[in-house]
C-alpha atoms as a PDB file:
ATOM      1  CA  UNK A   1      31.133   9.467  54.230  1.00  0.00           C
ATOM      2  CA  UNK A   2      34.084   7.813  52.363  1.00  0.00           C
ATOM      3  CA  UNK A   3      37.145   6.780  54.252  1.00  0.00           C
ATOM      4  CA  UNK A   4      40.860   6.734  53.205  1.00  0.00           C
ATOM      5  CA  UNK A   5      42.797   3.591  53.946  1.00  0.00           C
ATOM      6  CA  UNK A   6      46.388   3.905  54.867  1.00  0.00           C
ATOM      7  CA  UNK A   7      47.627   0.466  55.081  1.00  0.00           C
ATOM      8  CA  UNK A   8      51.068  -0.112  56.600  1.00  0.00           C
ATOM      9  CA  UNK A   9      53.542  -1.891  54.201  1.00  0.00           C
ATOM     10  CA  UNK A  10      53.099  -5.347  55.408  1.00  0.00           C
ATOM     11  CA  UNK A  11      49.045  -4.877  54.770  1.00  0.00           C
ATOM     12  CA  UNK A  12      50.040  -3.162  51.312  1.00  0.00           C
ATOM     13  CA  UNK A  13      52.147  -6.409  50.535  1.00  0.00           C
ATOM     14  CA  UNK A  14      49.475  -8.666  51.369  1.00  0.00           C
ATOM     15  CA  UNK A  15      46.762  -6.963  49.199  1.00  0.00           C
ATOM     16  CA  UNK A  16      49.540  -6.692  46.154  1.00  0.00           C
ATOM     17  CA  UNK A  17      49.946 -10.540  46.637  1.00  0.00           C
ATOM     18  CA  UNK A  18      46.024 -11.111  46.811  1.00  0.00           C
ATOM     19  CA  UNK A  19      45.615  -9.074  43.634  1.00  0.00           C
ATOM     20  CA  UNK A  20      48.511 -10.907  41.895  1.00  0.00           C
ATOM     21  CA  UNK A  21      46.676 -14.121  42.843  1.00  0.00           C
ATOM     22  CA  UNK A  22      43.548 -12.848  41.469  1.00  0.00           C
ATOM     23  CA  UNK A  23      45.181 -11.680  38.188  1.00  0.00           C
ATOM     24  CA  UNK A  24      46.847 -15.242  37.758  1.00  0.00           C
ATOM     25  CA  UNK A  25      43.550 -17.157  38.349  1.00  0.00           C
ATOM     26  CA  UNK A  26      41.851 -14.599  36.013  1.00  0.00           C
ATOM     27  CA  UNK A  27      44.519 -15.521  33.156  1.00  0.00           C
ATOM     28  CA  UNK A  28      44.246 -19.389  34.108  1.00  0.00           C
ATOM     29  CA  UNK A  29      40.223 -19.151  33.736  1.00  0.00           C
ATOM     30  CA  UNK A  30      40.340 -17.100  30.395  1.00  0.00           C
ATOM     31  CA  UNK A  31      42.722 -19.494  28.760  1.00  0.00           C
ATOM     32  CA  UNK A  32      40.829 -22.640  30.112  1.00  0.00           C
ATOM     33  CA  UNK A  33      37.657 -21.153  28.479  1.00  0.00           C
ATOM     34  CA  UNK A  34      39.501 -20.422  25.203  1.00  0.00           C
ATOM     35  CA  UNK A  35      41.245 -23.692  25.051  1.00  0.00           C
ATOM     36  CA  UNK A  36      37.839 -25.417  25.720  1.00  0.00           C
ATOM     37  CA  UNK A  37      36.263 -23.966  22.753  1.00  0.00           C
ATOM     38  CA  UNK A  38      39.446 -24.203  20.296  1.00  0.00           C
ATOM     39  CA  UNK A  39      39.831 -27.881  21.250  1.00  0.00           C
ATOM     40  CA  UNK A  40      36.528 -29.290  21.841  1.00  0.00           C
ATOM     41  CA  UNK A  41      34.030 -26.742  21.015  1.00  0.00           C
ATOM     42  CA  UNK A  42      32.609 -26.726  24.660  1.00  0.00           C
ATOM     43  CA  UNK A  43      31.399 -23.760  26.607  1.00  0.00           C
ATOM     44  CA  UNK A  44      32.586 -23.530  30.362  1.00  0.00           C
ATOM     45  CA  UNK A  45      29.974 -21.957  32.744  1.00  0.00           C
ATOM     46  CA  UNK A  46      30.913 -20.327  35.924  1.00  0.00           C
ATOM     47  CA  UNK A  47      29.836 -23.614  37.962  1.00  0.00           C
ATOM     48  CA  UNK A  48      32.273 -25.734  36.147  1.00  0.00           C
ATOM     49  CA  UNK A  49      35.287 -23.151  36.795  1.00  0.00           C
ATOM     50  CA  UNK A  50      34.040 -22.352  40.225  1.00  0.00           C
ATOM     51  CA  UNK A  51      34.052 -26.011  41.244  1.00  0.00           C
ATOM     52  CA  UNK A  52      37.596 -26.471  40.048  1.00  0.00           C
ATOM     53  CA  UNK A  53      38.836 -23.402  42.188  1.00  0.00           C
ATOM     54  CA  UNK A  54      39.272 -25.720  45.475  1.00  0.00           C
ATOM     55  CA  UNK A  55      41.521 -27.959  43.341  1.00  0.00           C
ATOM     56  CA  UNK A  56      43.627 -25.603  41.717  1.00  0.00           C
ATOM     57  CA  UNK A  57      44.222 -23.773  45.107  1.00  0.00           C
ATOM     58  CA  UNK A  58      45.487 -27.216  46.506  1.00  0.00           C
ATOM     59  CA  UNK A  59      47.606 -27.755  43.691  1.00  0.00           C
ATOM     60  CA  UNK A  60      49.302 -24.409  43.603  1.00  0.00           C
ATOM     61  CA  UNK A  61      51.246 -22.636  46.234  1.00  0.00           C
ATOM     62  CA  UNK A  62      50.521 -19.200  44.992  1.00  0.00           C
ATOM     63  CA  UNK A  63      46.599 -19.523  45.367  1.00  0.00           C
ATOM     64  CA  UNK A  64      46.827 -21.318  48.647  1.00  0.00           C
ATOM     65  CA  UNK A  65      47.061 -18.162  50.469  1.00  0.00           C
ATOM     66  CA  UNK A  66      43.711 -16.633  48.968  1.00  0.00           C
ATOM     67  CA  UNK A  67      40.337 -17.316  50.421  1.00  0.00           C
ATOM     68  CA  UNK A  68      38.251 -19.581  48.292  1.00  0.00           C
ATOM     69  CA  UNK A  69      35.157 -16.972  48.049  1.00  0.00           C
ATOM     70  CA  UNK A  70      37.604 -14.202  46.721  1.00  0.00           C
ATOM     71  CA  UNK A  71      39.018 -16.441  44.155  1.00  0.00           C
ATOM     72  CA  UNK A  72      35.658 -17.834  43.030  1.00  0.00           C
ATOM     73  CA  UNK A  73      34.585 -14.423  42.552  1.00  0.00           C
ATOM     74  CA  UNK A  74      37.283 -14.094  39.757  1.00  0.00           C
ATOM     75  CA  UNK A  75      35.532 -17.036  37.953  1.00  0.00           C
ATOM     76  CA  UNK A  76      32.178 -15.048  38.385  1.00  0.00           C
ATOM     77  CA  UNK A  77      33.711 -11.949  36.917  1.00  0.00           C
ATOM     78  CA  UNK A  78      35.145 -13.998  33.955  1.00  0.00           C
ATOM     79  CA  UNK A  79      31.471 -15.295  33.390  1.00  0.00           C
ATOM     80  CA  UNK A  80      30.097 -11.793  33.451  1.00  0.00           C
ATOM     81  CA  UNK A  81      32.722 -10.573  30.946  1.00  0.00           C
ATOM     82  CA  UNK A  82      31.958 -13.260  28.521  1.00  0.00           C
ATOM     83  CA  UNK A  83      28.093 -12.808  29.047  1.00  0.00           C
ATOM     84  CA  UNK A  84      28.694  -8.975  28.183  1.00  0.00           C
ATOM     85  CA  UNK A  85      30.712  -9.817  25.232  1.00  0.00           C
ATOM     86  CA  UNK A  86      28.244 -12.351  23.500  1.00  0.00           C
ATOM     87  CA  UNK A  87      25.696  -9.615  24.293  1.00  0.00           C
ATOM     88  CA  UNK A  88      27.568  -6.912  22.411  1.00  0.00           C
ATOM     89  CA  UNK A  89      28.141  -9.550  19.745  1.00  0.00           C
ATOM     90  CA  UNK A  90      24.635 -10.388  19.281  1.00  0.00           C
ATOM     91  CA  UNK A  91      23.632  -6.580  19.019  1.00  0.00           C
ATOM     92  CA  UNK A  92      26.193  -6.283  16.439  1.00  0.00           C
ATOM     93  CA  UNK A  93      28.450  -3.846  17.858  1.00  0.00           C
ATOM     94  CA  UNK A  94      31.443  -2.706  15.986  1.00  0.00           C
ATOM     95  CA  UNK A  95      34.614  -4.547  17.661  1.00  0.00           C
ATOM     96  CA  UNK A  96      32.806  -5.777  20.693  1.00  0.00           C
ATOM     97  CA  UNK A  97      36.283  -6.826  22.196  1.00  0.00           C
ATOM     98  CA  UNK A  98      36.703 -10.307  24.005  1.00  0.00           C
ATOM     99  CA  UNK A  99      38.155 -10.596  27.410  1.00  0.00           C
ATOM    100  CA  UNK A 100      41.734 -10.364  27.382  1.00  0.00           C
ATOM    101  CA  UNK A 101      44.552 -11.769  29.485  1.00  0.00           C
ATOM    102  CA  UNK A 102      45.882  -9.388  32.284  1.00  0.00           C
ATOM    103  CA  UNK A 103      49.607  -8.435  32.347  1.00  0.00           C
ATOM    104  CA  UNK A 104      51.643  -7.785  35.395  1.00  0.00           C
ATOM    105  CA  UNK A 105      50.476  -4.899  37.581  1.00  0.00           C
ATOM    106  CA  UNK A 106      46.773  -5.004  36.256  1.00  0.00           C
END
């Protein structure tokens, strides 16, 4: 039986800020992977990015409020997105669509 959540304004603001933190880290992880490939022809894995999350969290005030497992899950979702992208490229799909940066409100 599904339940409908009705958060208070404070809870809604906290959820929105958590989503923005995740969006920012998502964009950071995507940019890091693209830069590593374009500059050094090096592939970043989930583990290399997950290890850097605590260091990023300590260095950025925006990410210091989020829980590390939630932020590490962002790195896992990026890894899965790239895995699916490369699978689609390998099978020869038309316009496989690489992972993209997320804009505000996404």
